[in-house]
Amino acid sequence: MSVEHDFVSLRSSSLGSGLTDEQVQALASIAHCRRLADGEILIHEGEVTNNLHVITEGALAVTRDLGKGEYATIHVLHTGDLAGEMGFISGKSHTATLRSLGRTQICSVDRDAFESLLMTHPWLVYRVMQTIVRVSQDILRRMNAQHVELTKYVSSSHALY
């Protein structure tokens, strides 16, 4: 995809919210937007990567390996959500595998390239970090709500573990 297309994708994404056009242009200059095929793996559980991904269209299944080629979906990320943000910040390995559900478009930013903007675009870096925290908090809230609903279901059905 082109820098112009990357600009449009990032401008309408959660990463572009609160940024000026100039800041989005600077972000687009270091970003790489692409489409994932259905089932394509973006991140492998246990892998260490330095990339932050924003889902600009589609969805990603967050899965955990159950062994013998089987996996369990523990969450689904949708348009506007971020992926890989904890590894992007911490540099630690990912705790889940992310795989595309249908055709999904993502825009990715490498940590080293992002850090290169610190001196020339400090407010851009600050705003993106704010967005990482905000979007991560939203994802955590949704996961907590799903956990509570599952707990209520298990309790009301008197299921045994």
C-alpha atoms as a PDB file:
ATOM      1  CA  MET A   1       0.000   0.000   0.000  1.00  0.00           C
ATOM      2  CA  SER A   2       1.120   3.594  -0.549  1.00  0.00           C
ATOM      3  CA  VAL A   3       2.010   6.274   1.985  1.00  0.00           C
ATOM      4  CA  GLU A   4      -1.158   8.124   0.897  1.00  0.00           C
ATOM      5  CA  HIS A   5      -3.261   5.029   1.609  1.00  0.00           C
ATOM      6  CA  ASP A   6      -1.425   4.528   4.916  1.00  0.00           C
ATOM      7  CA  PHE A   7      -2.235   8.151   5.819  1.00  0.00           C
ATOM      8  CA  VAL A   8      -5.948   7.613   5.118  1.00  0.00           C
ATOM      9  CA  SER A   9      -5.988   4.343   7.088  1.00  0.00           C
ATOM     10  CA  LEU A  10      -4.159   5.864  10.058  1.00  0.00           C
ATOM     11  CA  ARG A  11      -6.173   9.106   9.977  1.00  0.00           C
ATOM     12  CA  SER A  12      -9.404   7.144  10.514  1.00  0.00           C
ATOM     13  CA  SER A  13      -7.880   4.741  13.070  1.00  0.00           C
ATOM     14  CA  SER A  14      -7.703   4.944  16.841  1.00  0.00           C
ATOM     15  CA  LEU A  15      -4.000   5.872  16.525  1.00  0.00           C
ATOM     16  CA  GLY A  16      -4.921   8.878  14.378  1.00  0.00           C
ATOM     17  CA  SER A  17      -7.506  10.254  16.789  1.00  0.00           C
ATOM     18  CA  GLY A  18      -6.250  13.358  18.525  1.00  0.00           C
ATOM     19  CA  LEU A  19      -3.408  13.848  16.051  1.00  0.00           C
ATOM     20  CA  THR A  20      -2.973  16.659  13.567  1.00  0.00           C
ATOM     21  CA  ASP A  21      -2.662  15.861   9.862  1.00  0.00           C
ATOM     22  CA  GLU A  22       1.064  16.633  10.096  1.00  0.00           C
ATOM     23  CA  GLN A  23       1.448  14.149  12.952  1.00  0.00           C
ATOM     24  CA  VAL A  24      -0.521  11.470  11.092  1.00  0.00           C
ATOM     25  CA  GLN A  25       1.720  12.082   8.055  1.00  0.00           C
ATOM     26  CA  ALA A  26       4.810  11.560  10.237  1.00  0.00           C
ATOM     27  CA  LEU A  27       3.283   8.362  11.621  1.00  0.00           C
ATOM     28  CA  ALA A  28       2.360   7.173   8.116  1.00  0.00           C
ATOM     29  CA  SER A  29       5.953   7.721   7.002  1.00  0.00           C
ATOM     30  CA  ILE A  30       7.106   4.994   9.422  1.00  0.00           C
ATOM     31  CA  ALA A  31       4.017   2.754   9.269  1.00  0.00           C
ATOM     32  CA  HIS A  32       3.334  -0.199   7.041  1.00  0.00           C
ATOM     33  CA  CYS A  33      -0.308  -1.017   6.248  1.00  0.00           C
ATOM     34  CA  ARG A  34      -1.293  -4.346   4.753  1.00  0.00           C
ATOM     35  CA  ARG A  35      -4.079  -6.880   4.401  1.00  0.00           C
ATOM     36  CA  LEU A  36      -4.024 -10.243   6.129  1.00  0.00           C
ATOM     37  CA  ALA A  37      -5.648 -13.285   4.576  1.00  0.00           C
ATOM     38  CA  ASP A  38      -8.256 -15.229   6.525  1.00  0.00           C
ATOM     39  CA  GLY A  39      -6.485 -17.276   9.200  1.00  0.00           C
ATOM     40  CA  GLU A  40      -3.127 -15.587   8.647  1.00  0.00           C
ATOM     41  CA  ILE A  41      -1.100 -15.355  11.844  1.00  0.00           C
ATOM     42  CA  LEU A  42       0.090 -11.879  12.789  1.00  0.00           C
ATOM     43  CA  ILE A  43       1.795 -12.766  16.087  1.00  0.00           C
ATOM     44  CA  HIS A  44       2.853 -16.151  17.446  1.00  0.00           C
ATOM     45  CA  GLU A  45       2.514 -16.965  21.141  1.00  0.00           C
ATOM     46  CA  GLY A  46       5.961 -16.822  22.767  1.00  0.00           C
ATOM     47  CA  GLU A  47       7.407 -14.619  20.008  1.00  0.00           C
ATOM     48  CA  VAL A  48       9.147 -11.328  20.789  1.00  0.00           C
ATOM     49  CA  THR A  49       8.315  -8.536  18.347  1.00  0.00           C
ATOM     50  CA  ASN A  50       8.796  -4.780  18.357  1.00  0.00           C
ATOM     51  CA  ASN A  51       5.683  -3.855  16.414  1.00  0.00           C
ATOM     52  CA  LEU A  52       2.487  -2.101  17.351  1.00  0.00           C
ATOM     53  CA  HIS A  53      -0.482  -2.939  15.126  1.00  0.00           C
ATOM     54  CA  VAL A  54      -3.770  -1.095  14.755  1.00  0.00           C
ATOM     55  CA  ILE A  55      -6.682  -2.929  13.178  1.00  0.00           C
ATOM     56  CA  THR A  56      -8.065  -0.549  10.573  1.00  0.00           C
ATOM     57  CA  GLU A  57     -10.578  -3.057   9.187  1.00  0.00           C
ATOM     58  CA  GLY A  58     -11.646  -6.547  10.229  1.00  0.00           C
ATOM     59  CA  ALA A  59     -10.852  -8.642  13.289  1.00  0.00           C
ATOM     60  CA  LEU A  60      -8.154 -10.735  14.938  1.00  0.00           C
ATOM     61  CA  ALA A  61      -8.723 -13.771  17.146  1.00  0.00           C
ATOM     62  CA  VAL A  62      -6.566 -13.828  20.273  1.00  0.00           C
ATOM     63  CA  THR A  63      -5.777 -17.505  20.813  1.00  0.00           C
ATOM     64  CA  ARG A  64      -3.810 -19.701  23.200  1.00  0.00           C
ATOM     65  CA  ASP A  65      -2.119 -22.946  22.235  1.00  0.00           C
ATOM     66  CA  LEU A  66      -3.781 -26.044  23.724  1.00  0.00           C
ATOM     67  CA  GLY A  67      -1.232 -28.423  22.203  1.00  0.00           C
ATOM     68  CA  LYS A  68      -1.513 -30.965  19.400  1.00  0.00           C
ATOM     69  CA  GLY A  69      -2.377 -28.236  16.887  1.00  0.00           C
ATOM     70  CA  GLU A  70      -5.439 -27.044  18.787  1.00  0.00           C
ATOM     71  CA  TYR A  71      -6.072 -23.581  20.156  1.00  0.00           C
ATOM     72  CA  ALA A  72      -8.706 -21.719  22.158  1.00  0.00           C
ATOM     73  CA  THR A  73      -9.956 -18.258  21.244  1.00  0.00           C
ATOM     74  CA  ILE A  74      -9.873 -16.127  24.370  1.00  0.00           C
ATOM     75  CA  HIS A  75     -10.866 -12.808  22.828  1.00  0.00           C
ATOM     76  CA  VAL A  76     -11.584 -11.112  19.505  1.00  0.00           C
ATOM     77  CA  LEU A  77     -10.070  -7.740  18.599  1.00  0.00           C
ATOM     78  CA  HIS A  78     -12.021  -5.518  16.202  1.00  0.00           C
ATOM     79  CA  THR A  79     -11.522  -2.452  14.041  1.00  0.00           C
ATOM     80  CA  GLY A  80      -9.895   0.278  16.120  1.00  0.00           C
ATOM     81  CA  ASP A  81      -8.265  -2.098  18.579  1.00  0.00           C
ATOM     82  CA  LEU A  82      -4.512  -2.353  18.970  1.00  0.00           C
ATOM     83  CA  ALA A  83      -2.503  -5.559  18.871  1.00  0.00           C
ATOM     84  CA  GLY A  84       0.976  -6.293  20.141  1.00  0.00           C
ATOM     85  CA  GLU A  85       0.978  -3.159  22.282  1.00  0.00           C
ATOM     86  CA  MET A  86       2.304  -4.814  25.423  1.00  0.00           C
ATOM     87  CA  GLY A  87       5.258  -6.384  23.589  1.00  0.00           C
ATOM     88  CA  PHE A  88       5.802  -3.075  21.767  1.00  0.00           C
ATOM     89  CA  ILE A  89       6.239  -1.332  25.113  1.00  0.00           C
ATOM     90  CA  SER A  90       7.867  -4.056  27.231  1.00  0.00           C
ATOM     91  CA  GLY A  91       9.935  -5.975  24.684  1.00  0.00           C
ATOM     92  CA  LYS A  92       8.728  -9.221  26.281  1.00  0.00           C
ATOM     93  CA  SER A  93       7.288 -12.238  24.506  1.00  0.00           C
ATOM     94  CA  HIS A  94       3.632 -12.365  23.489  1.00  0.00           C
ATOM     95  CA  THR A  95       1.288 -14.488  25.587  1.00  0.00           C
ATOM     96  CA  ALA A  96      -1.100 -15.316  22.746  1.00  0.00           C
ATOM     97  CA  THR A  97      -1.277 -15.932  19.014  1.00  0.00           C
ATOM     98  CA  LEU A  98      -3.202 -13.446  16.876  1.00  0.00           C
ATOM     99  CA  ARG A  99      -4.836 -14.738  13.700  1.00  0.00           C
ATOM    100  CA  SER A 100      -6.968 -12.926  11.167  1.00  0.00           C
ATOM    101  CA  LEU A 101     -10.707 -13.550  11.047  1.00  0.00           C
ATOM    102  CA  GLY A 102     -11.570 -12.934   7.404  1.00  0.00           C
ATOM    103  CA  ARG A 103      -9.747 -10.263   5.463  1.00  0.00           C
ATOM    104  CA  THR A 104      -8.253  -7.876   7.959  1.00  0.00           C
ATOM    105  CA  GLN A 105      -6.263  -4.706   7.386  1.00  0.00           C
ATOM    106  CA  ILE A 106      -3.644  -3.625   9.880  1.00  0.00           C
ATOM    107  CA  CYS A 107      -1.159  -0.779  10.081  1.00  0.00           C
ATOM    108  CA  SER A 108       2.078  -1.604  11.888  1.00  0.00           C
ATOM    109  CA  VAL A 109       4.720   0.592  13.472  1.00  0.00           C
ATOM    110  CA  ASP A 110       8.172  -0.625  14.483  1.00  0.00           C
ATOM    111  CA  ARG A 111       9.356   0.517  17.945  1.00  0.00           C
ATOM    112  CA  ASP A 112      12.773   1.756  16.716  1.00  0.00           C
ATOM    113  CA  ALA A 113      11.166   3.795  13.937  1.00  0.00           C
ATOM    114  CA  PHE A 114       8.588   5.146  16.405  1.00  0.00           C
ATOM    115  CA  GLU A 115      11.288   6.140  18.898  1.00  0.00           C
ATOM    116  CA  SER A 116      13.077   8.011  16.106  1.00  0.00           C
ATOM    117  CA  LEU A 117      10.148  10.455  16.157  1.00  0.00           C
ATOM    118  CA  LEU A 118      10.759  11.366  19.792  1.00  0.00           C
ATOM    119  CA  MET A 119      13.033  14.336  19.095  1.00  0.00           C
ATOM    120  CA  THR A 120      11.142  15.765  16.125  1.00  0.00           C
ATOM    121  CA  HIS A 121       7.537  14.916  17.119  1.00  0.00           C
ATOM    122  CA  PRO A 122       7.371  14.551  20.930  1.00  0.00           C
ATOM    123  CA  TRP A 123       3.638  15.328  21.102  1.00  0.00           C
ATOM    124  CA  LEU A 124       2.920  12.676  18.496  1.00  0.00           C
ATOM    125  CA  VAL A 125       4.774  10.098  20.599  1.00  0.00           C
ATOM    126  CA  TYR A 126       2.949  11.259  23.731  1.00  0.00           C
ATOM    127  CA  ARG A 127      -0.478  11.086  22.052  1.00  0.00           C
ATOM    128  CA  VAL A 128       0.201   7.607  20.623  1.00  0.00           C
ATOM    129  CA  MET A 129       1.271   6.378  24.066  1.00  0.00           C
ATOM    130  CA  GLN A 130      -1.957   7.837  25.508  1.00  0.00           C
ATOM    131  CA  THR A 131      -3.914   5.977  22.840  1.00  0.00           C
ATOM    132  CA  ILE A 132      -2.124   2.718  23.655  1.00  0.00           C
ATOM    133  CA  VAL A 133      -3.167   3.046  27.301  1.00  0.00           C
ATOM    134  CA  ARG A 134      -6.747   4.082  26.450  1.00  0.00           C
ATOM    135  CA  VAL A 135      -7.360   1.325  23.896  1.00  0.00           C
ATOM    136  CA  SER A 136      -5.706  -1.294  26.114  1.00  0.00           C
ATOM    137  CA  GLN A 137      -7.927  -0.196  28.985  1.00  0.00           C
ATOM    138  CA  ASP A 138     -11.016  -0.531  26.764  1.00  0.00           C
ATOM    139  CA  ILE A 139      -9.976  -4.056  25.730  1.00  0.00           C
ATOM    140  CA  LEU A 140      -9.360  -5.007  29.368  1.00  0.00           C
ATOM    141  CA  ARG A 141     -12.790  -3.657  30.365  1.00  0.00           C
ATOM    142  CA  ARG A 142     -14.473  -5.767  27.668  1.00  0.00           C
ATOM    143  CA  MET A 143     -12.549  -8.864  28.715  1.00  0.00           C
ATOM    144  CA  ASN A 144     -13.454  -8.270  32.374  1.00  0.00           C
ATOM    145  CA  ALA A 145     -17.137  -7.908  31.465  1.00  0.00           C
ATOM    146  CA  GLN A 146     -16.983 -11.145  29.468  1.00  0.00           C
ATOM    147  CA  HIS A 147     -15.329 -12.898  32.414  1.00  0.00           C
ATOM    148  CA  VAL A 148     -18.064 -11.705  34.772  1.00  0.00           C
ATOM    149  CA  GLU A 149     -20.778 -12.905  32.372  1.00  0.00           C
ATOM    150  CA  LEU A 150     -19.097 -16.295  32.048  1.00  0.00           C
ATOM    151  CA  THR A 151     -18.757 -16.576  35.835  1.00  0.00           C
ATOM    152  CA  LYS A 152     -22.454 -15.723  36.280  1.00  0.00           C
ATOM    153  CA  TYR A 153     -23.384 -18.331  33.665  1.00  0.00           C
ATOM    154  CA  VAL A 154     -21.264 -21.036  35.278  1.00  0.00           C
ATOM    155  CA  SER A 155     -22.615 -20.165  38.747  1.00  0.00           C
ATOM    156  CA  SER A 156     -26.250 -20.121  37.642  1.00  0.00           C
ATOM    157  CA  SER A 157     -25.944 -23.425  35.785  1.00  0.00           C
ATOM    158  CA  HIS A 158     -24.216 -25.058  38.781  1.00  0.00           C
ATOM    159  CA  ALA A 159     -21.541 -26.351  36.440  1.00  0.00           C
ATOM    160  CA  LEU A 160     -18.705 -28.258  37.994  1.00  0.00           C
ATOM    161  CA  TYR A 161     -15.165 -27.646  36.947  1.00  0.00           C
END
